[in-house]
Amino acid sequence: MPLRHRLATRLAAAAILALSGPGALSGAALAEPRGVPSDATAIPMPPPEPPQRPPELATPAPVPAEAPRPPERPPELSVPTTSAPAIPASTDSAKAREPEPVKPPEGAEVPAPPPRPADLSAPALALTVAPVDDSACRRRLERLGARFEPLPAITNGQCGAAKPLRVTALADDLALTPPVTLVCSAAESLARWATEAQVAAERDLGQPLKGLTIGTSYECRGQNHDPDAKLSEHSFANGVDVMGFTFASRPAISVLAAPEGTPEATFLAAVRGRACDFFRTVLGPGSDAAHANHLHLDERQRNAGHRLCQ
């Protein structure tokens, strides 16, 4: 029998069973129709509907919770409200923001301020720094053949020196014109450098060096004479300006740019280069316009021992 005929037969049998009612469901009725093979494909039936959910298990609709309110403020902490004083209209905004001073009732006694605590009543302590002991430096300066004398401490605002010296000459009667006012460490560097300048004069010029022409030693001023600049090392008697060199049997040599290849140029380059071994700052012609006619030598302390040699 063709498949479609078998399906039609099964549909007819199912219709008969449905019309017969529940009592007609028996083993005979559920048996395979005659002529229909037992291995025929079953027709799927729709699943039964689920039972209704019991009312006691129904989920109630959410009720919006009322936001909690803070507790009432205790009466003893309540502060009576007072109206703020009216601010008069004014074109001056600063005066308009200032509240009017509260005047005590007429005849009322004004309370005195509390006394100053005892630990704050003492006068402020002045910061004092003990000057550096330069006795060892002075002994070395004497062994170098320098002639000097101590001067009173220099105090001039932010400028000054605790233990300045007035140095008039260096080794081999090398005159300083005029004498210099320096702290001992700067004077020692000048004395050691002068011995190297003596050697360079004998080698390059064939003449002994007789003196140094000094421009400035101590002077309270800003760098490069600029009143708005940082204080110069001259302000602390820690720097000196050398303008030139004098000799016994030849003209003096000024610290200027000499013609290249001349003995004077060789001598000036030698003494300038050796100055970098004794001073932390060396400036001269070519550094800038402010040092075009002299050698500026000072002992300014810098981070990590940095030196400025130009």
Foldseek 3Di string as FASTA:
>chain_A
DDPVVLVVVVVVLVVVVVVVPPVVDDPVSPDDPPPHDPPRDDDDDDDDDDDDDDPVPDDDDDDDDDDDDDDDDDPVPDDDDDDDDQFDDDPPVVNSPDDDDDDDPPPDDDDDDDDDDPVPPDDDDDDDDDADDCPVLVVVQVVQVWDKDWDPWDDDPPFTEHIWIFTAATPPRAGEVHTAIARSLLSSLVRVLVVQLQVLCCVLPVFGWRYWYWDAFADFAAPLRDNPHHTDVSSHSFKTKTQWTPTDPDHIQGQACDPPPHSSNVSNVRSLVVSVVRAQEWDACPRDPSRRRIIMGGHDDDPPSHGHRD
